[in-house]
Amino acid sequence: MILCDIANPPIASGHRFDQERHWAASLALRFAPRSGATRLLHARHQGPLRVQRPFYPEGRDQACHLYLLHPPGGLVSGDALTISAHVGRGAHALLTTPAANKLYKADSQGVAWTQQTRLSVEDGGTLEWLPQETIAFDGSRGQQRTQIDLHGSARCLGWEVMALGRPASDLPYVSGRIEQHFRLTLDGKPLWLERQPLDPTHPRFTGRWGQGGATVHATLWAVGLADAPAAIEALREVLPDNPRWAVTVRHGVLLLRYLGNSRNEAWGLCEQAWQLLRPRWIEREAHTPRIWLT
């Protein structure tokens, strides 16, 4: 697979991007330990992308919880959303969102949107990337890129949940095209590279060898588990026994996958897996962000 510069990615094949309709929003965060606690030392934003003040629900010397706010609530044609977060040595950050991210239908010209996320964790740092789900409306066109750069003994656990269409409103995802790219490296060495095209008109979308007609998919990853095989066995014992999910480990990366038709099932699976893995991963019980309960 050929990967390009995440800072200047080309628009996926079949997408149109109009520079005159380039509405950008960006957020750059940097965390580091200060006086025995993880502090948000840098938060620079452009456009409608903000953060709330840091929270320490687990104690001042534990994880810094931060909510990423995008007031528009979603992406339309021409939007370009960029998020970067850097976690320093010895720091621990947990990042989440207050609501689902929505990918709206493209305009009559088929202009695409772009969303880029770049996460970097130094040796000895810990990052939890736990955004709420993404909902793609019928006709949405765009590209998502997630790059995770780890160094030394850095630890990272995160997930991405994608729901295609709005079945409750009888509005399935039958047109459009979304490309998802994931790149995870350790000290510059690729551990997990993936490209996922979502095109409902392509045979892969309905074929059993591809999407299989599923409208929801999710991936949870974890790097830094001391005993990944034992964690896998624990997940298989505790999580629901059904064929819609599977878990494996490759190159030190634990990957849990879901492919089905229920956003609630996918989210519940990821949350339950996180609650089970966290004590094994960092020897701390999971502390549910209160924004998820509102």
Protein backbone atom coordinates (compact mmCIF):
# COMPACT_ATOMS: atom_id res chain seq x y z
CA MET A 1 0.00 0.00 0.00
CA ILE A 2 1.29 3.48 -0.86
CA LEU A 3 0.80 6.05 1.87
CA CYS A 4 1.23 9.76 1.32
CA ASP A 5 2.06 12.69 3.55
CA ILE A 6 -0.78 12.90 6.05
CA ALA A 7 -0.43 16.66 6.19
CA ASN A 8 -1.15 17.00 2.46
CA PRO A 9 -3.10 13.94 1.35
CA PRO A 10 -4.56 13.73 -2.14
CA ILE A 11 -8.31 13.37 -2.38
CA ALA A 12 -9.39 9.80 -2.97
CA SER A 13 -10.22 8.63 -6.46
CA GLY A 14 -13.63 9.84 -7.53
CA HIS A 15 -13.65 12.73 -5.05
CA ARG A 16 -13.70 16.39 -6.03
CA PHE A 17 -12.17 19.04 -3.81
CA ASP A 18 -12.70 22.74 -4.48
CA GLN A 19 -10.07 25.05 -3.01
CA GLU A 20 -12.52 27.94 -3.16
CA ARG A 21 -14.75 26.02 -0.76
CA HIS A 22 -12.07 24.99 1.69
CA TRP A 23 -13.44 25.48 5.20
CA ALA A 24 -10.72 24.45 7.60
CA ALA A 25 -10.78 23.74 11.32
CA SER A 26 -7.79 22.47 13.26
CA LEU A 27 -6.78 21.67 16.82
CA ALA A 28 -3.27 20.95 18.10
CA LEU A 29 -2.78 19.62 21.65
CA ARG A 30 0.30 18.84 23.72
CA PHE A 31 0.36 17.08 27.09
CA ALA A 32 3.27 16.76 29.53
CA PRO A 33 3.71 15.98 33.25
CA ARG A 34 4.04 18.95 35.59
CA SER A 35 4.06 18.87 39.40
CA GLY A 36 2.97 15.25 39.51
CA ALA A 37 0.05 15.61 37.09
CA THR A 38 -0.51 15.51 33.33
CA ARG A 39 -1.10 19.05 32.10
CA LEU A 40 -2.46 20.39 28.84
CA LEU A 41 0.45 22.69 27.98
CA HIS A 42 -0.58 23.67 24.49
CA ALA A 43 -3.96 23.98 22.76
CA ARG A 44 -4.04 25.89 19.51
CA HIS A 45 -7.16 25.98 17.40
CA GLN A 46 -8.38 27.40 14.14
CA GLY A 47 -12.05 27.56 13.21
CA PRO A 48 -14.87 25.77 15.06
CA LEU A 49 -12.82 23.21 16.98
CA ARG A 50 -12.28 23.60 20.72
CA VAL A 51 -11.66 21.73 23.97
CA GLN A 52 -13.29 22.00 27.36
CA ARG A 53 -11.11 22.45 30.39
CA PRO A 54 -9.19 19.32 31.47
CA PHE A 55 -10.84 16.98 33.98
CA TYR A 56 -9.19 14.69 36.53
CA PRO A 57 -11.99 12.34 37.62
CA GLU A 58 -9.48 9.62 38.56
CA GLY A 59 -7.38 11.91 40.73
CA ARG A 60 -4.97 14.75 40.01
CA ASP A 61 -2.07 12.35 39.51
CA GLN A 62 -3.96 10.16 37.05
CA ALA A 63 -5.21 10.56 33.48
CA CYS A 64 -6.10 13.97 32.11
CA HIS A 65 -9.57 13.67 30.52
CA LEU A 66 -10.29 16.09 27.68
CA TYR A 67 -13.40 16.56 25.52
CA LEU A 68 -12.96 17.60 21.89
CA LEU A 69 -15.74 19.95 20.76
CA HIS A 70 -16.80 20.55 17.16
CA PRO A 71 -19.88 22.81 17.43
CA PRO A 72 -21.11 22.19 13.85
CA GLY A 73 -21.46 18.53 14.80
CA GLY A 74 -20.35 17.14 11.48
CA LEU A 75 -18.65 17.61 8.11
CA VAL A 76 -20.16 18.94 4.88
CA SER A 77 -18.69 19.38 1.40
CA GLY A 78 -15.47 21.39 1.51
CA ASP A 79 -14.80 20.93 5.23
CA ALA A 80 -11.26 20.03 6.29
CA LEU A 81 -10.91 18.93 9.92
CA THR A 82 -7.45 18.32 11.40
CA ILE A 83 -6.73 17.11 14.95
CA SER A 84 -3.28 16.45 16.38
CA ALA A 85 -2.31 15.41 19.89
CA HIS A 86 1.14 14.86 21.37
CA VAL A 87 1.59 13.07 24.69
CA GLY A 88 4.96 13.55 26.35
CA ARG A 89 7.06 11.16 28.38
CA GLY A 90 5.27 10.13 31.58
CA ALA A 91 2.00 11.87 30.64
CA HIS A 92 -1.40 10.19 30.36
CA ALA A 93 -4.29 11.67 28.35
CA LEU A 94 -7.78 10.37 27.63
CA LEU A 95 -9.51 12.09 24.71
CA THR A 96 -13.16 11.69 23.77
CA THR A 97 -16.06 13.60 22.21
CA PRO A 98 -19.45 14.67 23.59
CA ALA A 99 -21.50 13.30 20.68
CA ALA A 100 -21.41 11.40 17.43
CA ASN A 101 -19.56 12.88 14.47
CA LYS A 102 -21.76 13.20 11.37
CA LEU A 103 -20.63 13.02 7.75
CA TYR A 104 -23.33 14.77 5.76
CA LYS A 105 -24.42 14.19 2.16
CA ALA A 106 -22.21 15.81 -0.48
CA ASP A 107 -23.54 18.80 -2.37
CA SER A 108 -24.75 18.67 -5.96
CA GLN A 109 -21.16 19.07 -7.21
CA GLY A 110 -19.89 16.09 -5.22
CA VAL A 111 -17.32 18.17 -3.31
CA ALA A 112 -15.55 16.06 -0.70
CA TRP A 113 -14.65 16.67 2.93
CA THR A 114 -11.43 15.55 4.67
CA GLN A 115 -10.72 14.53 8.25
CA GLN A 116 -7.20 13.96 9.55
CA THR A 117 -6.12 12.77 12.98
CA ARG A 118 -2.49 12.50 14.04
CA LEU A 119 -1.61 11.10 17.48
CA SER A 120 1.94 10.97 18.83
CA VAL A 121 3.07 9.39 22.12
CA GLU A 122 6.59 9.60 23.50
CA ASP A 123 8.41 6.83 25.34
CA GLY A 124 6.66 6.28 28.67
CA GLY A 125 3.52 8.17 27.65
CA THR A 126 -0.05 6.82 27.57
CA LEU A 127 -2.92 7.83 25.32
CA GLU A 128 -6.55 6.69 25.23
CA TRP A 129 -8.37 7.78 22.07
CA LEU A 130 -12.08 7.10 22.64
CA PRO A 131 -14.26 9.22 20.34
CA GLN A 132 -17.96 8.56 20.06
CA GLU A 133 -19.15 7.00 16.84
CA THR A 134 -19.17 8.47 13.34
CA ILE A 135 -22.44 8.43 11.35
CA ALA A 136 -22.16 8.65 7.56
CA PHE A 137 -25.25 9.99 5.81
CA ASP A 138 -26.26 8.63 2.41
CA GLY A 139 -24.28 10.40 -0.32
CA SER A 140 -21.38 11.43 1.91
CA ARG A 141 -18.04 11.73 0.11
CA GLY A 142 -14.69 12.20 1.80
CA GLN A 143 -11.53 10.79 3.30
CA GLN A 144 -10.51 9.97 6.87
CA ARG A 145 -6.86 9.51 7.83
CA THR A 146 -5.62 8.40 11.22
CA GLN A 147 -1.90 8.25 11.95
CA ILE A 148 -0.52 7.08 15.29
CA ASP A 149 3.21 7.48 15.99
CA LEU A 150 4.50 5.69 19.10
CA HIS A 151 7.99 5.76 20.56
CA GLY A 152 9.79 3.34 22.88
CA SER A 153 7.46 2.01 25.57
CA ALA A 154 4.56 4.30 24.62
CA ARG A 155 1.09 2.87 25.21
CA CYS A 156 -2.00 3.60 23.16
CA LEU A 157 -5.54 2.23 23.21
CA GLY A 158 -8.27 3.56 20.98
CA TRP A 159 -11.19 2.81 18.74
CA GLU A 160 -13.14 3.97 15.72
CA VAL A 161 -16.84 3.12 15.27
CA MET A 162 -18.47 3.83 11.88
CA ALA A 163 -22.22 3.61 11.22
CA LEU A 164 -23.32 3.87 7.59
CA GLY A 165 -26.70 5.41 6.87
CA ARG A 166 -29.61 6.06 9.21
CA PRO A 167 -31.66 2.87 9.26
CA ALA A 168 -33.99 4.16 12.01
CA SER A 169 -35.14 6.84 9.54
CA ASP A 170 -35.20 4.36 6.64
CA LEU A 171 -32.28 6.20 5.01
CA PRO A 172 -29.65 3.56 4.15
CA TYR A 173 -26.20 4.33 2.79
CA VAL A 174 -26.68 3.58 -0.92
CA SER A 175 -24.50 6.26 -2.57
CA GLY A 176 -21.30 8.15 -1.90
CA ARG A 177 -17.74 7.09 -1.15
CA ILE A 178 -15.62 7.25 1.99
CA GLU A 179 -12.01 6.17 2.29
CA GLN A 180 -10.49 5.34 5.67
CA HIS A 181 -6.73 5.11 6.15
CA PHE A 182 -4.98 3.92 9.32
CA ARG A 183 -1.25 3.99 9.97
CA LEU A 184 0.32 2.98 13.29
CA THR A 185 4.09 3.03 13.78
CA LEU A 186 6.53 2.31 16.59
CA ASP A 187 9.85 4.17 16.38
CA GLY A 188 9.11 4.76 12.71
CA LYS A 189 8.44 1.08 11.95
CA PRO A 190 4.95 0.33 10.58
CA LEU A 191 2.94 -2.02 12.78
CA TRP A 192 -0.50 -1.63 11.21
CA LEU A 193 -1.34 -0.17 7.81
CA GLU A 194 -4.85 -0.28 6.44
CA ARG A 195 -6.99 1.25 3.71
CA GLN A 196 -10.77 0.80 3.78
CA PRO A 197 -12.88 2.05 0.84
CA LEU A 198 -16.60 2.34 1.57
CA ASP A 199 -18.48 2.46 -1.73
CA PRO A 200 -21.99 0.97 -1.67
CA THR A 201 -21.94 0.51 -5.45
CA HIS A 202 -18.84 -1.71 -5.38
CA PRO A 203 -19.23 -5.52 -5.14
CA ARG A 204 -16.97 -5.51 -2.08
CA PHE A 205 -19.63 -3.63 -0.13
CA THR A 206 -22.16 -6.46 -0.32
CA GLY A 207 -19.87 -9.42 -0.99
CA ARG A 208 -19.16 -11.89 1.79
CA TRP A 209 -15.46 -11.41 1.07
CA GLY A 210 -15.79 -7.72 1.97
CA GLN A 211 -18.29 -5.63 3.93
CA GLY A 212 -20.96 -8.29 3.50
CA GLY A 213 -23.72 -5.70 3.53
CA ALA A 214 -22.94 -4.69 7.13
CA THR A 215 -23.82 -1.11 8.03
CA VAL A 216 -21.66 -0.78 11.15
CA HIS A 217 -18.01 -1.62 11.66
CA ALA A 218 -15.61 -0.90 14.49
CA THR A 219 -11.95 -1.41 15.31
CA LEU A 220 -10.34 -1.27 18.75
CA TRP A 221 -6.56 -1.32 19.05
CA ALA A 222 -4.21 -1.60 22.02
CA VAL A 223 -0.43 -1.29 22.14
CA GLY A 224 1.54 -1.93 25.33
CA LEU A 225 -0.26 -4.95 26.80
CA ALA A 226 2.13 -7.04 28.87
CA ASP A 227 0.37 -10.31 27.99
CA ALA A 228 -1.74 -9.90 24.85
CA PRO A 229 -2.56 -13.64 24.43
CA ALA A 230 -4.02 -13.78 27.96
CA ALA A 231 -5.98 -10.59 27.27
CA ILE A 232 -7.43 -12.16 24.13
CA GLU A 233 -8.58 -15.20 26.08
CA ALA A 234 -10.19 -12.97 28.69
CA LEU A 235 -12.04 -11.05 25.98
CA ARG A 236 -13.30 -14.27 24.41
CA GLU A 237 -14.57 -15.46 27.78
CA VAL A 238 -16.36 -12.24 28.74
CA LEU A 239 -17.64 -10.63 25.52
CA PRO A 240 -20.85 -11.86 23.84
CA ASP A 241 -20.47 -15.13 21.96
CA ASN A 242 -21.42 -14.21 18.40
CA PRO A 243 -19.74 -14.18 14.96
CA ARG A 244 -19.91 -10.40 14.56
CA TRP A 245 -16.60 -9.73 16.29
CA ALA A 246 -13.11 -11.22 16.44
CA VAL A 247 -9.84 -10.38 18.15
CA THR A 248 -6.21 -11.06 17.32
CA VAL A 249 -2.72 -9.70 17.92
CA ARG A 250 -0.11 -8.87 15.28
CA HIS A 251 3.29 -7.23 15.82
CA GLY A 252 2.32 -6.38 19.39
CA VAL A 253 -0.95 -4.69 18.38
CA LEU A 254 -4.17 -6.15 19.74
CA LEU A 255 -6.99 -5.62 17.23
CA LEU A 256 -10.64 -6.23 17.99
CA ARG A 257 -13.02 -5.99 15.02
CA TYR A 258 -16.78 -5.71 14.78
CA LEU A 259 -18.87 -6.09 11.62
CA GLY A 260 -22.63 -5.97 11.95
CA ASN A 261 -25.67 -3.72 11.84
CA SER A 262 -26.02 -2.24 15.33
CA ARG A 263 -24.31 0.92 16.51
CA ASN A 264 -25.28 0.13 20.10
CA GLU A 265 -23.82 -3.36 19.88
CA ALA A 266 -20.55 -2.09 18.38
CA TRP A 267 -20.21 0.69 20.96
CA GLY A 268 -21.09 -1.63 23.84
CA LEU A 269 -18.54 -4.17 22.64
CA CYS A 270 -15.75 -1.58 22.48
CA GLU A 271 -16.63 -0.10 25.87
CA GLN A 272 -16.79 -3.50 27.53
CA ALA A 273 -13.46 -4.50 25.96
CA TRP A 274 -11.87 -1.26 27.20
CA GLN A 275 -13.16 -1.87 30.71
CA LEU A 276 -11.68 -5.37 30.69
CA LEU A 277 -8.37 -4.42 29.08
CA ARG A 278 -7.52 -1.27 31.01
CA PRO A 279 -6.54 -2.97 34.30
CA ARG A 280 -4.31 -5.36 32.34
CA TRP A 281 -2.93 -2.56 30.21
CA ILE A 282 -2.12 0.16 32.78
CA GLU A 283 -3.20 -1.46 36.09
CA ARG A 284 -6.09 0.96 36.54
CA GLU A 285 -9.82 0.36 36.42
CA ALA A 286 -11.74 2.00 33.59
CA HIS A 287 -13.31 5.32 34.54
CA THR A 288 -16.22 6.11 32.22
CA PRO A 289 -16.14 9.73 30.99
CA ARG A 290 -19.24 11.40 32.38
CA ILE A 291 -20.03 12.96 29.00
CA TRP A 292 -21.02 9.49 27.78
CA LEU A 293 -23.78 9.38 30.37
CA THR A 294 -25.48 12.64 29.41
